[in-house]
Protein backbone atom coordinates (compact mmCIF):
# COMPACT_ATOMS: atom_id res chain seq x y z
CA MET A 1 1.07 -54.24 -20.59
CA THR A 2 4.66 -53.91 -19.47
CA ASP A 3 6.42 -50.80 -18.26
CA SER A 4 8.36 -50.64 -21.52
CA MET A 5 7.51 -48.71 -24.63
CA LEU A 6 9.10 -51.44 -26.71
CA PRO A 7 8.10 -54.95 -27.81
CA ASN A 8 11.06 -56.45 -25.95
CA PRO A 9 11.15 -55.13 -22.37
CA THR A 10 14.13 -57.32 -21.49
CA GLY A 11 16.24 -56.23 -24.46
CA ARG A 12 19.09 -53.76 -24.51
CA VAL A 13 19.63 -50.46 -26.24
CA LEU A 14 21.57 -51.03 -29.48
CA ALA A 15 23.51 -48.13 -30.99
CA ALA A 16 24.97 -48.33 -34.50
CA VAL A 17 28.19 -46.32 -34.80
CA ASP A 18 30.44 -45.45 -37.73
CA ALA A 19 33.08 -42.84 -38.54
CA SER A 20 30.59 -40.06 -39.32
CA ILE A 21 30.34 -36.87 -37.28
CA TYR A 22 27.28 -38.38 -35.63
CA GLY A 23 29.34 -40.93 -33.70
CA GLN A 24 29.63 -38.97 -30.44
CA SER A 25 26.00 -37.88 -30.57
CA VAL A 26 24.85 -41.47 -31.08
CA ALA A 27 26.92 -42.60 -28.09
CA ASP A 28 25.59 -39.81 -25.86
CA LEU A 29 21.96 -40.34 -26.93
CA ALA A 30 22.21 -44.10 -26.47
CA ALA A 31 23.69 -43.66 -22.99
CA TRP A 32 20.84 -41.29 -22.11
CA ALA A 33 18.22 -43.79 -23.34
CA ALA A 34 19.83 -46.74 -21.57
CA GLN A 35 19.90 -44.83 -18.29
CA ARG A 36 16.27 -43.72 -18.63
CA LEU A 37 15.17 -47.27 -19.49
CA ALA A 38 17.46 -48.82 -16.84
CA THR A 39 18.76 -51.36 -19.33
CA GLY A 40 22.07 -52.41 -20.88
CA LEU A 41 23.72 -50.80 -23.88
CA ASP A 42 25.55 -52.37 -26.82
CA PHE A 43 27.44 -50.54 -29.55
CA LEU A 44 27.47 -52.07 -33.03
CA HIS A 45 29.80 -51.44 -35.95
CA VAL A 46 29.22 -53.36 -39.18
CA LEU A 47 32.02 -54.00 -41.65
CA GLU A 48 30.34 -53.93 -45.03
CA ARG A 49 32.10 -55.32 -48.07
CA GLU A 50 33.38 -52.72 -50.51
CA VAL A 51 30.88 -52.25 -53.32
CA GLU A 52 33.48 -51.21 -55.85
CA GLN A 53 36.39 -53.56 -56.45
CA MET A 54 38.90 -53.71 -59.26
CA PRO A 55 37.60 -56.15 -61.91
CA ILE A 56 40.68 -58.39 -62.14
CA SER A 57 39.23 -60.32 -65.06
CA ASP A 58 39.33 -57.17 -67.18
CA LEU A 59 43.13 -57.25 -67.01
CA SER A 60 43.55 -60.80 -68.27
CA GLY A 61 43.62 -59.96 -71.96
CA SER A 62 46.39 -57.38 -71.64
CA LEU A 63 48.82 -59.13 -69.29
CA VAL A 64 51.08 -62.14 -69.74
CA LEU A 65 50.55 -65.02 -67.36
CA GLY A 66 53.39 -64.17 -64.96
CA ALA A 67 52.42 -60.53 -64.66
CA GLN A 68 48.80 -61.50 -64.19
CA GLU A 69 49.62 -63.84 -61.29
CA ALA A 70 51.89 -61.24 -59.67
CA LEU A 71 49.22 -58.57 -59.90
CA LEU A 72 46.60 -60.93 -58.47
CA LEU A 73 48.88 -61.65 -55.52
CA GLN A 74 49.47 -57.95 -54.90
CA LEU A 75 45.75 -57.19 -55.07
CA THR A 76 45.02 -59.99 -52.63
CA GLU A 77 47.58 -58.59 -50.19
CA VAL A 78 46.12 -55.11 -50.54
CA ASP A 79 42.63 -56.47 -49.92
CA GLU A 80 43.81 -58.28 -46.79
CA LYS A 81 45.50 -55.14 -45.47
CA ARG A 82 42.41 -53.09 -46.20
CA ALA A 83 40.25 -55.59 -44.32
CA ALA A 84 42.63 -55.58 -41.35
CA LEU A 85 42.61 -51.78 -41.23
CA ALA A 86 38.80 -51.74 -41.39
CA ARG A 87 38.60 -54.17 -38.49
CA GLU A 88 41.04 -52.08 -36.44
CA ARG A 89 39.14 -48.89 -37.21
CA GLY A 90 35.90 -50.61 -36.21
CA ARG A 91 37.39 -51.72 -32.89
CA GLN A 92 38.62 -48.20 -32.20
CA LEU A 93 35.19 -46.71 -33.00
CA LEU A 94 33.52 -49.18 -30.63
CA GLU A 95 36.06 -48.56 -27.88
CA ALA A 96 35.62 -44.79 -28.19
CA ALA A 97 31.82 -45.06 -28.03
CA ALA A 98 31.98 -47.44 -25.08
CA ALA A 99 34.40 -45.15 -23.22
CA ARG A 100 32.06 -42.20 -23.80
CA ALA A 101 29.09 -44.18 -22.49
CA SER A 102 31.07 -45.36 -19.47
CA ALA A 103 31.96 -41.76 -18.65
CA ALA A 104 28.23 -40.99 -18.76
CA GLY A 105 27.56 -43.67 -16.15
CA ILE A 106 26.80 -46.80 -18.20
CA ALA A 107 28.17 -49.97 -16.62
CA GLU A 108 30.03 -52.27 -19.02
CA PRO A 109 28.65 -51.19 -22.41
CA GLY A 110 28.95 -53.99 -24.94
CA GLN A 111 30.87 -53.85 -28.21
CA ARG A 112 29.82 -55.80 -31.31
CA LEU A 113 31.91 -55.88 -34.47
CA ARG A 114 30.06 -57.67 -37.24
CA HIS A 115 30.58 -58.42 -40.92
CA GLY A 116 27.81 -58.06 -43.49
CA GLY A 117 25.13 -55.50 -44.29
CA LEU A 118 23.92 -53.04 -41.68
CA LEU A 119 20.22 -53.66 -42.24
CA ASP A 120 20.61 -57.44 -42.27
CA THR A 121 22.58 -57.26 -39.04
CA LEU A 122 20.02 -55.00 -37.36
CA LEU A 123 17.18 -57.30 -38.36
CA GLU A 124 19.11 -60.27 -36.98
CA LEU A 125 19.63 -58.49 -33.67
CA GLU A 126 16.15 -56.98 -33.47
CA PRO A 127 14.63 -59.75 -31.30
CA GLU A 128 17.08 -58.91 -28.50
CA THR A 129 16.91 -55.13 -29.01
CA ARG A 130 14.78 -52.82 -26.91
CA LEU A 131 15.59 -49.58 -28.70
CA LEU A 132 17.79 -48.85 -31.72
CA VAL A 133 19.84 -45.64 -31.87
CA ILE A 134 21.31 -44.55 -35.19
CA GLY A 135 22.76 -41.38 -36.72
CA LYS A 136 20.81 -39.31 -39.20
CA ARG A 137 23.53 -39.71 -41.80
CA GLY A 138 26.42 -42.10 -42.30
CA GLU A 139 30.02 -41.35 -43.12
CA HIS A 140 29.52 -41.44 -46.91
CA VAL A 141 26.56 -39.05 -47.22
CA ASP A 142 26.82 -35.81 -49.18
CA PHE A 143 26.36 -33.22 -46.42
CA ALA A 144 26.51 -30.34 -48.88
CA ARG A 145 23.20 -31.50 -50.34
CA GLY A 146 21.68 -32.24 -46.94
CA HIS A 147 20.75 -35.79 -47.87
CA LEU A 148 19.55 -38.34 -45.36
CA GLY A 149 21.57 -41.50 -45.21
CA GLY A 150 20.26 -44.19 -47.51
CA GLN A 151 20.92 -46.68 -44.72
CA LEU A 152 18.61 -44.75 -42.41
CA GLU A 153 15.74 -44.75 -44.88
CA ARG A 154 16.05 -48.52 -45.36
CA VAL A 155 16.25 -49.11 -41.61
CA VAL A 156 13.17 -46.94 -40.96
CA ARG A 157 11.21 -48.93 -43.51
CA ALA A 158 12.27 -52.36 -42.25
CA MET A 159 12.60 -52.21 -38.46
CA GLN A 160 9.60 -52.99 -36.27
CA HIS A 161 11.07 -51.49 -33.11
CA PRO A 162 11.04 -47.80 -32.20
CA LEU A 163 14.02 -45.98 -33.60
CA LEU A 164 15.91 -43.10 -32.01
CA VAL A 165 17.63 -40.97 -34.67
CA ALA A 166 20.52 -38.86 -33.40
CA ALA A 167 21.08 -35.28 -34.52
CA ARG A 168 24.54 -33.89 -35.14
CA ALA A 169 25.05 -32.87 -31.50
CA PHE A 170 23.51 -34.11 -28.26
CA ARG A 171 22.20 -31.88 -25.51
CA PRO A 172 20.37 -32.79 -22.29
CA ILE A 173 16.78 -33.73 -23.05
CA GLU A 174 14.23 -31.83 -20.99
CA ARG A 175 11.54 -30.68 -23.43
CA VAL A 176 9.89 -33.18 -25.78
CA MET A 177 7.30 -32.73 -28.51
CA LEU A 178 4.96 -35.40 -29.86
CA ALA A 179 3.62 -34.77 -33.36
CA PHE A 180 -0.03 -35.59 -32.69
CA ASP A 181 -2.48 -36.38 -35.47
CA GLY A 182 -4.92 -38.73 -33.76
CA SER A 183 -3.85 -41.68 -35.92
CA PRO A 184 -3.82 -45.23 -34.50
CA THR A 185 -0.02 -45.22 -34.56
CA VAL A 186 0.21 -42.04 -32.50
CA LEU A 187 -2.49 -43.19 -30.08
CA LYS A 188 -0.57 -46.42 -29.58
CA GLY A 189 2.52 -44.28 -29.08
CA VAL A 190 0.72 -42.35 -26.33
CA VAL A 191 0.11 -45.63 -24.50
CA MET A 192 3.76 -46.58 -24.95
CA LEU A 193 4.98 -43.23 -23.66
CA ALA A 194 2.64 -43.39 -20.67
CA GLU A 195 3.95 -46.82 -19.69
CA SER A 196 7.63 -46.21 -20.41
CA PRO A 197 10.20 -44.69 -18.06
CA LEU A 198 11.92 -43.04 -21.04
CA LEU A 199 10.18 -39.66 -20.73
CA LYS A 200 8.92 -39.74 -17.13
CA GLY A 201 9.15 -36.34 -15.45
CA LEU A 202 9.94 -34.46 -18.67
CA GLU A 203 7.93 -31.72 -20.36
CA LEU A 204 5.92 -33.12 -23.27
CA ARG A 205 4.09 -30.93 -25.77
CA LEU A 206 1.36 -32.56 -27.87
CA GLN A 207 1.51 -30.62 -31.13
CA VAL A 208 -1.21 -30.83 -33.78
CA ALA A 209 -0.20 -29.51 -37.20
CA GLY A 210 -3.10 -28.36 -39.34
CA ARG A 211 -6.81 -28.34 -38.56
CA ALA A 212 -8.02 -30.64 -35.80
CA ASP A 213 -11.46 -32.17 -36.35
CA GLU A 214 -13.71 -33.09 -33.44
CA ALA A 215 -12.34 -36.64 -33.17
CA THR A 216 -8.74 -35.44 -33.13
CA ALA A 217 -9.55 -32.81 -30.50
CA ARG A 218 -11.15 -35.46 -28.27
CA SER A 219 -8.16 -37.76 -28.73
CA LEU A 220 -5.81 -34.90 -27.89
CA THR A 221 -7.63 -34.18 -24.62
CA ALA A 222 -7.79 -37.85 -23.65
CA SER A 223 -4.12 -38.40 -24.49
CA ALA A 224 -3.06 -35.37 -22.46
CA THR A 225 -5.03 -36.66 -19.48
CA ARG A 226 -3.47 -40.11 -19.70
CA LEU A 227 0.06 -38.77 -20.01
CA ARG A 228 -0.38 -36.38 -17.08
CA ALA A 229 -1.56 -39.30 -14.95
CA ALA A 230 1.64 -41.12 -15.95
CA GLY A 231 3.80 -38.35 -14.51
CA LEU A 232 4.62 -36.24 -17.56
CA GLN A 233 4.30 -32.46 -17.71
CA ILE A 234 1.86 -31.96 -20.58
CA SER A 235 0.90 -29.01 -22.76
CA THR A 236 -1.11 -29.08 -26.00
CA ALA A 237 -1.23 -26.91 -29.11
CA ILE A 238 -3.06 -26.84 -32.44
CA ASP A 239 -1.40 -24.74 -35.13
CA PRO A 240 -2.62 -24.48 -38.74
CA GLY A 241 -0.29 -25.11 -41.65
CA GLU A 242 1.74 -27.79 -43.36
CA PRO A 243 3.14 -30.37 -40.89
CA GLU A 244 6.78 -29.96 -41.91
CA LYS A 245 6.61 -26.18 -41.42
CA VAL A 246 4.50 -26.20 -38.23
CA LEU A 247 6.56 -28.88 -36.51
CA ALA A 248 9.92 -27.40 -37.49
CA GLU A 249 8.88 -23.96 -36.26
CA ALA A 250 7.52 -25.38 -33.00
CA VAL A 251 10.74 -27.30 -32.36
CA ALA A 252 12.72 -24.06 -32.64
CA ARG A 253 10.24 -21.78 -30.87
CA GLU A 254 9.60 -24.08 -27.91
CA ARG A 255 13.27 -25.09 -27.55
CA ILE A 256 12.41 -28.75 -28.02
CA ASP A 257 15.18 -31.28 -27.30
CA LEU A 258 13.48 -34.39 -28.74
CA LEU A 259 10.77 -34.83 -31.37
CA VAL A 260 8.54 -37.92 -31.20
CA MET A 261 6.61 -39.09 -34.25
CA GLY A 262 4.73 -42.11 -35.48
CA ALA A 263 6.60 -43.91 -38.23
CA TYR A 264 3.55 -45.59 -39.70
CA GLY A 265 0.01 -44.51 -40.46
CA HIS A 266 -1.79 -42.72 -43.26
CA SER A 267 -1.47 -39.07 -42.31
CA ARG A 268 0.69 -36.38 -43.86
CA ILE A 269 3.13 -36.94 -41.00
CA ARG A 270 3.48 -40.57 -42.09
CA GLN A 271 4.30 -39.41 -45.61
CA LEU A 272 7.08 -37.25 -44.19
CA ILE A 273 8.67 -40.08 -42.24
CA VAL A 274 8.48 -42.93 -44.74
CA GLY A 275 7.88 -41.84 -48.29
CA SER A 276 9.11 -42.44 -51.77
CA THR A 277 11.31 -39.34 -51.62
CA THR A 278 13.62 -37.82 -49.03
CA THR A 279 12.08 -37.26 -45.61
CA ALA A 280 12.02 -33.48 -45.32
CA LEU A 281 11.42 -33.16 -41.61
CA LEU A 282 14.06 -35.67 -40.54
CA ARG A 283 16.52 -34.00 -42.87
CA ALA A 284 15.91 -30.52 -41.49
CA CYS A 285 15.23 -31.22 -37.82
CA PRO A 286 18.17 -30.16 -35.60
CA VAL A 287 17.15 -32.38 -32.65
CA PRO A 288 16.92 -36.15 -32.17
CA VAL A 289 13.76 -37.86 -33.46
CA LEU A 290 12.07 -40.86 -31.83
CA LEU A 291 10.07 -42.82 -34.38
CA LEU A 292 7.34 -44.96 -32.83
CA ARG A 293 5.73 -48.06 -34.28
């Protein structure tokens, strides 16, 4: 296997930025990941078409022909100005993110301004992407209700690459926790983490939430041994309780800077990450989350 934790070891880190308060955190987290992986970094901003537009046809019955044509012309001009402003804002967002990454030591971060849907664009770029970085919520999410971004949930479901989800603020990453449940996805993630430079030299806590049967306990011991041999500082813990409560409390108590979880599988943790309802742990977690495939 390669020394990368990702399917594409020659790809670059791709960071999706928008005008939300997560913009700076995404840039900082992406720069950190690109430096750890010793790879290039591209920032992406997608100009999505407005969902709600004035239905011009609804005005046809109430306006005379001349007024109708004049209004259509004015609406077209407004639409063109709006599009130009959106492009300019997108360029400024990309330039700000690139400048922040450059200040962090990234050489020549790329800037990509694309038209279309975010998910479609990410899927198109996935073959050349090594790691995707995205904010927990976009600029249109209702923060008062604590919702996750709908875009994030769709991306988590569709992407096949590991996904690094930025929290509201970035801080240096020194202590990492892997939510360990002994599932095939997590065991594959252990192999990825052992072979990747992303977490080398950092403190990694393997945290079991709930009761650990004999098979899980054996897997925990074997995984800890493998990760120690790969140069990580490993500790293990088994705490009873519901995963969302145990993991959230451990993140706070152990001063964790990054939570690592498997995004697929059949455990309760899987249900938290990709479910039919909001993902409680992602919503509440105050630190970045790395979702493994």
